[in-house]
Amino acid sequence: QIMRNSFIELAIAYLLGIMLPGPSVALLIRNRFQKSFMENTNTIIGIISGIFLQAGFVLFFVNIINLDSIYFQLLKILCSIFLL
């Protein structure tokens, strides 16, 4: 149950992050006008691969931290302080 909830929350967060323009969108636009189609396609594949790799690491370590709720609570507090 915890893994499923974590996965759904992470999927929503990554979906919102992908939809927001940022450095990756700027890189794709620049490559579109300055580079070839294949180089732009390779850039897209690299960005998507990086997102999947990052999501995999996040899910893996969230599940490790979830095993001991004290560490998970501490991580949530530290992240909340960081966001404030």
Protein backbone atom coordinates (compact mmCIF):
# COMPACT_ATOMS: atom_id res chain seq x y z
CA GLN A 1 0.00 0.00 0.00
CA ILE A 2 2.80 2.43 0.88
CA MET A 3 4.64 1.65 -2.37
CA ARG A 4 1.49 2.27 -4.41
CA ASN A 5 0.78 5.62 -2.74
CA SER A 6 4.40 6.69 -3.13
CA PHE A 7 4.36 5.73 -6.79
CA ILE A 8 1.15 7.66 -7.49
CA GLU A 9 2.46 10.78 -5.70
CA LEU A 10 5.78 10.52 -7.53
CA ALA A 11 4.07 10.04 -10.89
CA ILE A 12 1.97 13.18 -10.37
CA ALA A 13 5.03 15.18 -9.30
CA TYR A 14 7.06 14.07 -12.33
CA LEU A 15 4.14 14.71 -14.68
CA LEU A 16 3.85 18.28 -13.39
CA GLY A 17 7.62 18.71 -13.59
CA ILE A 18 7.78 17.52 -17.18
CA MET A 19 4.96 19.83 -18.24
CA LEU A 20 6.66 22.95 -16.83
CA PRO A 21 9.13 24.63 -19.17
CA GLY A 22 12.67 24.64 -17.95
CA PRO A 23 16.26 24.09 -19.07
CA SER A 24 15.40 20.89 -20.93
CA VAL A 25 12.75 22.69 -23.01
CA ALA A 26 15.19 25.51 -23.77
CA LEU A 27 17.79 22.93 -24.86
CA LEU A 28 15.27 21.18 -27.12
CA ILE A 29 14.21 24.45 -28.75
CA ARG A 30 17.81 25.50 -29.31
CA ASN A 31 18.71 22.09 -30.77
CA ARG A 32 15.65 22.20 -33.02
CA PHE A 33 16.91 25.29 -34.79
CA GLN A 34 20.69 24.78 -34.62
CA LYS A 35 21.21 21.01 -34.88
CA SER A 36 19.99 18.14 -36.99
CA PHE A 37 16.87 16.06 -36.42
CA MET A 38 18.90 13.10 -35.10
CA GLU A 39 20.78 15.23 -32.58
CA ASN A 40 17.49 16.63 -31.31
CA THR A 41 16.03 13.10 -31.10
CA ASN A 42 19.08 11.97 -29.11
CA THR A 43 18.58 14.91 -26.75
CA ILE A 44 14.94 13.89 -26.19
CA ILE A 45 15.96 10.28 -25.53
CA GLY A 46 18.62 11.47 -23.07
CA ILE A 47 16.18 13.68 -21.17
CA ILE A 48 13.58 10.91 -20.92
CA SER A 49 16.22 8.37 -19.83
CA GLY A 50 17.42 10.75 -17.12
CA ILE A 51 13.89 11.25 -15.83
CA PHE A 52 13.28 7.48 -15.67
CA LEU A 53 16.63 6.91 -13.93
CA GLN A 54 15.93 9.63 -11.38
CA ALA A 55 12.41 8.32 -10.72
CA GLY A 56 13.80 4.81 -10.21
CA PHE A 57 16.35 6.01 -7.66
CA VAL A 58 13.72 8.07 -5.84
CA LEU A 59 11.32 5.12 -5.60
CA PHE A 60 14.09 2.80 -4.45
CA PHE A 61 15.35 5.07 -1.70
CA VAL A 62 11.87 6.13 -0.56
CA ASN A 63 11.08 2.45 -0.01
CA ILE A 64 14.31 1.96 1.95
CA ILE A 65 13.55 4.98 4.11
CA ASN A 66 9.95 3.80 4.56
CA LEU A 67 11.18 0.68 6.35
CA ASP A 68 11.99 2.81 9.41
CA SER A 69 9.34 5.45 9.96
CA ILE A 70 11.60 7.64 12.15
CA TYR A 71 13.90 8.33 9.20
CA PHE A 72 10.95 8.94 6.91
CA GLN A 73 9.41 11.44 9.32
CA LEU A 74 12.78 13.20 9.66
CA LEU A 75 13.13 13.36 5.88
CA LYS A 76 9.65 14.86 5.52
CA ILE A 77 10.43 17.51 8.14
CA LEU A 78 13.74 18.41 6.49
CA CYS A 79 12.12 18.63 3.06
CA SER A 80 9.33 20.82 4.44
CA ILE A 81 11.90 23.17 5.99
CA PHE A 82 13.77 23.28 2.68
CA LEU A 83 10.60 24.19 0.77
CA LEU A 84 9.72 26.94 3.22
